[in-house]
Protein backbone atom coordinates (compact mmCIF):
# COMPACT_ATOMS: atom_id res chain seq x y z
CA UNK A 1 -6.95 5.44 -84.51
CA UNK A 2 -9.53 7.70 -82.89
CA UNK A 3 -7.80 7.35 -79.54
CA UNK A 4 -4.48 8.37 -81.12
CA UNK A 5 -6.08 11.44 -82.71
CA UNK A 6 -7.60 12.53 -79.41
CA UNK A 7 -4.29 12.01 -77.57
CA UNK A 8 -2.40 14.03 -80.20
CA UNK A 9 -4.90 16.87 -79.95
CA UNK A 10 -4.35 16.94 -76.18
CA UNK A 11 -0.60 16.90 -76.76
CA UNK A 12 -0.93 19.99 -78.95
CA UNK A 13 -3.12 21.80 -76.41
CA UNK A 14 -0.78 21.12 -73.51
CA UNK A 15 2.26 22.09 -75.56
CA UNK A 16 0.63 25.43 -76.47
CA UNK A 17 0.32 26.12 -72.73
CA UNK A 18 3.85 24.82 -71.95
CA UNK A 19 2.36 22.11 -69.74
CA UNK A 20 5.15 19.69 -70.49
CA UNK A 21 4.18 16.90 -68.13
CA UNK A 22 0.75 16.81 -69.75
CA UNK A 23 2.43 16.59 -73.15
CA UNK A 24 4.45 13.57 -72.00
CA UNK A 25 1.36 11.95 -70.48
CA UNK A 26 -0.77 12.13 -73.62
CA UNK A 27 2.14 11.34 -75.95
CA UNK A 28 2.57 8.12 -73.97
CA UNK A 29 -1.15 7.39 -74.42
CA UNK A 30 -0.73 7.69 -78.18
CA UNK A 31 2.42 5.58 -78.17
CA UNK A 32 0.76 2.79 -76.21
CA UNK A 33 -1.78 2.51 -79.02
CA UNK A 34 0.68 3.05 -81.88
CA UNK A 35 4.38 2.80 -80.99
CA UNK A 36 5.31 4.09 -84.47
CA UNK A 37 3.41 7.39 -84.12
CA UNK A 38 6.08 9.88 -85.20
CA UNK A 39 4.09 12.92 -84.06
CA UNK A 40 3.76 11.51 -80.54
CA UNK A 41 7.49 10.77 -80.40
CA UNK A 42 8.28 14.32 -81.53
CA UNK A 43 6.00 15.90 -78.92
CA UNK A 44 7.43 13.75 -76.15
CA UNK A 45 11.00 14.68 -77.10
CA UNK A 46 10.20 18.42 -77.10
CA UNK A 47 8.47 18.18 -73.72
CA UNK A 48 11.16 16.12 -72.00
CA UNK A 49 13.89 18.36 -73.38
CA UNK A 50 12.12 21.39 -71.88
CA UNK A 51 11.79 19.59 -68.54
CA UNK A 52 15.44 18.50 -68.64
CA UNK A 53 16.57 22.09 -69.14
CA UNK A 54 14.98 22.97 -65.78
CA UNK A 55 15.57 19.69 -63.98
CA UNK A 56 18.76 17.65 -64.68
CA UNK A 57 17.05 14.56 -63.29
CA UNK A 58 15.02 14.46 -66.51
CA UNK A 59 18.06 14.33 -68.81
CA UNK A 60 18.16 10.53 -68.89
CA UNK A 61 14.46 10.27 -69.75
CA UNK A 62 14.76 12.93 -72.44
CA UNK A 63 17.75 11.16 -73.96
CA UNK A 64 15.91 7.84 -74.00
CA UNK A 65 12.90 9.52 -75.66
CA UNK A 66 15.09 11.09 -78.36
CA UNK A 67 16.76 7.74 -79.06
CA UNK A 68 13.34 6.05 -79.27
CA UNK A 69 12.18 8.75 -81.70
CA UNK A 70 15.20 8.11 -83.93
CA UNK A 71 14.51 4.37 -83.93
CA UNK A 72 10.87 5.02 -84.83
CA UNK A 73 11.99 7.28 -87.69
CA UNK A 74 14.30 4.56 -88.99
CA UNK A 75 11.42 2.08 -89.09
CA UNK A 76 8.88 4.48 -90.62
CA UNK A 77 8.27 4.73 -94.35
CA UNK A 78 6.54 7.54 -96.28
CA UNK A 79 5.46 9.43 -93.16
CA UNK A 80 4.76 13.15 -93.33
CA UNK A 81 7.56 15.35 -91.85
CA UNK A 82 9.70 12.26 -91.19
CA UNK A 83 13.02 13.88 -92.06
CA UNK A 84 12.18 16.94 -89.96
CA UNK A 85 11.35 14.78 -86.94
CA UNK A 86 14.56 12.76 -87.37
CA UNK A 87 16.65 15.95 -87.55
CA UNK A 88 14.98 17.45 -84.48
CA UNK A 89 15.49 14.26 -82.46
CA UNK A 90 19.18 14.19 -83.42
CA UNK A 91 19.54 17.88 -82.47
CA UNK A 92 17.82 17.20 -79.14
CA UNK A 93 20.30 14.39 -78.41
CA UNK A 94 23.19 16.75 -79.12
CA UNK A 95 21.79 19.46 -76.85
CA UNK A 96 21.00 16.99 -74.05
CA UNK A 97 24.56 15.68 -74.11
CA UNK A 98 25.79 19.17 -73.23
CA UNK A 99 23.51 19.65 -70.22
CA UNK A 100 25.11 19.34 -66.80
CA UNK A 101 24.00 16.23 -64.98
CA UNK A 102 23.73 15.96 -61.19
CA UNK A 103 27.15 15.12 -59.76
CA UNK A 104 26.33 14.13 -56.20
CA UNK A 105 28.12 10.96 -55.15
CA UNK A 106 27.94 8.81 -52.03
CA UNK A 107 30.17 9.48 -49.04
CA UNK A 108 33.52 7.76 -48.57
CA UNK A 109 32.16 5.63 -45.72
CA UNK A 110 29.30 4.34 -47.89
CA UNK A 111 31.40 1.80 -49.81
CA UNK A 112 28.47 -0.63 -50.17
CA UNK A 113 26.12 2.04 -51.59
CA UNK A 114 23.63 1.62 -48.75
CA UNK A 115 20.95 4.11 -47.76
CA UNK A 116 22.48 7.54 -47.10
CA UNK A 117 20.63 10.72 -46.14
CA UNK A 118 21.93 14.28 -46.10
CA UNK A 119 19.74 16.73 -44.24
CA UNK A 120 19.50 20.14 -45.93
CA UNK A 121 16.30 21.34 -44.27
CA UNK A 122 17.62 24.69 -43.08
CA UNK A 123 18.94 25.58 -46.53
CA UNK A 124 15.69 24.43 -48.17
CA UNK A 125 13.60 26.50 -45.76
CA UNK A 126 15.53 29.68 -46.61
CA UNK A 127 15.36 29.07 -50.38
CA UNK A 128 11.67 28.17 -50.34
CA UNK A 129 10.85 31.17 -48.13
CA UNK A 130 12.67 33.42 -50.61
CA UNK A 131 10.67 31.92 -53.49
CA UNK A 132 7.42 32.52 -51.62
CA UNK A 133 8.36 36.11 -50.76
CA UNK A 134 9.06 36.83 -54.44
CA UNK A 135 5.62 35.53 -55.50
CA UNK A 136 2.84 38.12 -55.01
CA UNK A 137 0.45 38.24 -53.20
CA UNK A 138 2.55 36.31 -50.64
CA UNK A 139 4.38 38.67 -48.29
CA UNK A 140 6.34 36.15 -46.23
CA UNK A 141 6.53 32.50 -45.23
CA UNK A 142 7.49 31.21 -41.79
CA UNK A 143 7.03 28.47 -39.21
CA UNK A 144 8.18 25.67 -41.54
CA UNK A 145 7.55 22.25 -40.02
CA UNK A 146 9.12 19.42 -42.01
CA UNK A 147 12.33 18.30 -43.64
CA UNK A 148 14.31 18.23 -46.90
CA UNK A 149 16.90 15.59 -47.70
CA UNK A 150 19.18 14.26 -50.38
CA UNK A 151 18.91 10.46 -50.42
CA UNK A 152 21.54 8.27 -52.09
CA UNK A 153 20.83 4.58 -52.54
CA UNK A 154 21.92 2.01 -55.13
CA UNK A 155 23.55 4.50 -57.48
CA UNK A 156 20.50 6.76 -57.48
CA UNK A 157 20.09 10.27 -56.07
CA UNK A 158 16.70 11.41 -54.81
CA UNK A 159 15.78 14.90 -53.68
CA UNK A 160 12.95 14.69 -51.15
CA UNK A 161 11.11 17.38 -49.22
CA UNK A 162 8.04 17.04 -47.02
CA UNK A 163 6.72 20.03 -45.07
CA UNK A 164 3.80 19.22 -42.82
CA UNK A 165 2.94 22.85 -42.22
CA UNK A 166 3.94 26.34 -43.44
CA UNK A 167 2.38 29.70 -42.57
CA UNK A 168 1.96 32.32 -45.29
CA UNK A 169 1.14 35.99 -44.82
CA UNK A 170 -0.62 37.54 -47.79
CA UNK A 171 -2.44 40.86 -47.77
CA UNK A 172 -3.81 41.17 -44.24
CA UNK A 173 -4.45 37.46 -43.92
CA UNK A 174 -2.55 34.39 -42.81
CA UNK A 175 -2.98 30.98 -44.40
CA UNK A 176 -1.46 27.67 -43.36
CA UNK A 177 -0.56 25.17 -46.05
CA UNK A 178 0.01 21.52 -45.21
CA UNK A 179 1.46 18.39 -46.82
CA UNK A 180 3.81 20.21 -49.17
CA UNK A 181 5.81 17.48 -50.94
CA UNK A 182 7.52 16.81 -54.26
CA UNK A 183 5.00 17.23 -57.04
CA UNK A 184 2.40 18.97 -54.85
CA UNK A 185 0.41 15.73 -54.64
CA UNK A 186 -1.32 16.44 -51.32
CA UNK A 187 -1.10 20.24 -50.89
CA UNK A 188 -3.92 21.66 -48.78
CA UNK A 189 -4.89 25.13 -47.51
CA UNK A 190 -6.28 25.92 -44.05
CA UNK A 191 -7.93 29.08 -42.78
CA UNK A 192 -9.77 31.42 -45.08
CA UNK A 193 -10.39 30.00 -48.57
CA UNK A 194 -7.40 30.91 -50.77
CA UNK A 195 -7.82 33.00 -53.89
CA UNK A 196 -6.82 31.73 -57.32
CA UNK A 197 -3.90 34.19 -57.25
CA UNK A 198 -2.61 32.70 -53.99
CA UNK A 199 -2.90 29.13 -55.27
CA UNK A 200 -1.06 30.06 -58.46
CA UNK A 201 1.67 31.85 -56.49
CA UNK A 202 2.20 28.84 -54.21
CA UNK A 203 2.35 26.38 -57.11
CA UNK A 204 4.77 28.59 -59.08
CA UNK A 205 7.06 29.22 -56.10
CA UNK A 206 7.25 25.52 -55.19
CA UNK A 207 7.88 24.50 -58.81
CA UNK A 208 10.73 27.02 -59.11
CA UNK A 209 12.22 25.82 -55.81
CA UNK A 210 11.97 22.14 -56.76
CA UNK A 211 13.24 22.36 -60.35
CA UNK A 212 15.63 25.33 -60.24
CA UNK A 213 17.05 25.20 -56.69
CA UNK A 214 16.55 21.83 -55.05
CA UNK A 215 16.92 19.14 -57.72
CA UNK A 216 19.83 20.87 -59.48
CA UNK A 217 22.24 20.81 -56.53
CA UNK A 218 25.80 19.77 -57.34
CA UNK A 219 28.20 18.06 -54.94
CA UNK A 220 29.77 21.36 -53.84
CA UNK A 221 26.40 23.04 -53.42
CA UNK A 222 25.08 20.07 -51.44
CA UNK A 223 28.00 20.31 -49.00
CA UNK A 224 27.23 23.98 -48.43
CA UNK A 225 23.53 23.20 -47.99
CA UNK A 226 24.30 20.54 -45.36
CA UNK A 227 26.45 23.05 -43.44
CA UNK A 228 23.82 25.81 -43.65
CA UNK A 229 23.23 27.50 -40.27
CA UNK A 230 20.00 27.00 -38.41
CA UNK A 231 17.11 28.86 -39.98
CA UNK A 232 14.92 31.00 -37.71
CA UNK A 233 11.99 30.25 -40.04
CA UNK A 234 12.06 26.57 -39.20
CA UNK A 235 10.26 24.88 -36.34
CA UNK A 236 12.80 22.61 -34.65
CA UNK A 237 12.10 19.66 -32.41
CA UNK A 238 12.90 21.62 -29.27
CA UNK A 239 10.39 24.27 -30.35
CA UNK A 240 7.48 21.86 -30.38
CA UNK A 241 5.09 22.02 -27.43
CA UNK A 242 5.68 19.28 -24.91
CA UNK A 243 3.01 16.55 -25.00
CA UNK A 244 0.55 16.33 -22.12
CA UNK A 245 2.00 13.68 -19.83
CA UNK A 246 0.71 12.84 -16.36
CA UNK A 247 3.34 13.44 -13.64
CA UNK A 248 4.90 10.27 -12.20
CA UNK A 249 2.84 8.95 -9.29
CA UNK A 250 4.04 9.40 -5.75
CA UNK A 251 4.67 5.79 -4.64
CA UNK A 252 4.22 6.50 -0.94
CA UNK A 253 0.98 8.42 -1.50
CA UNK A 254 -0.31 5.62 -3.71
CA UNK A 255 0.47 3.05 -0.99
CA UNK A 256 -1.28 5.12 1.71
CA UNK A 257 -4.34 5.45 -0.50
CA UNK A 258 -4.45 1.68 -1.02
CA UNK A 259 -4.15 1.00 2.73
CA UNK A 260 -6.97 3.47 3.45
CA UNK A 261 -9.23 1.70 0.95
CA UNK A 262 -8.49 -1.68 2.58
CA UNK A 263 -9.18 -0.38 6.08
CA UNK A 264 -12.48 1.20 5.02
CA UNK A 265 -13.59 -2.16 3.69
CA UNK A 266 -12.20 -4.03 6.78
CA UNK A 267 -12.29 -1.79 9.87
CA UNK A 268 -10.62 -4.43 12.05
CA UNK A 269 -7.67 -4.74 9.72
CA UNK A 270 -4.48 -3.07 10.88
CA UNK A 271 -1.72 -2.34 8.37
CA UNK A 272 1.48 -0.51 9.22
CA UNK A 273 3.46 1.34 6.55
């Protein structure tokens, strides 16, 4: 019971700050201890509905959470605010049913629903650069090294981006960020230590790009993104510096050098070449 109380207090704190993923995390902690905890079900539904409004990929999870909350309400007896929770879960289901779901489907050639990738890196670079430029103190973003793709496999659509390196100008400084991926799991800063304002601007810009631009693409928008012209902000393969490779050896020179070594060791040996 103590663990449930602590989890619910954390749910309330995260919800007050609109940290919806934290709300879901701690609501799940409470539900693992007590699957009939109505308050945890209600918090999870509110959080997932907020996430689904920004990211259509979350609609299915939010719907499942609302249905689970209704089932928990049906099983509960004499619980405080039970009717209110049931009504809110039913309202959430109705609102979720009206949200537009992603409508990207596999290509005509992919009749067996095998792995299919659609490269939209140039479009993603332009959109992400625009998000960065609109997030003070960042002035501009450039030299994007990475990729962004829509992946379709086994009736599932995944939106994946992975930028190994991006340069940001802010104030009179330049910072390079690396390992920018979905969820910001491995984001790192190089150069001068970033300020809290810069970190917050980067996190906000990437979150807006991921949830409002990237993961909400429809079929028509995806086709336009695939056909997007080459972005000057992107580092392409041909722009990479050539690796240091030794020039191919001169076969005749190599043979003459070998003959000279043999004759130095055996002065009486005569070899014609």
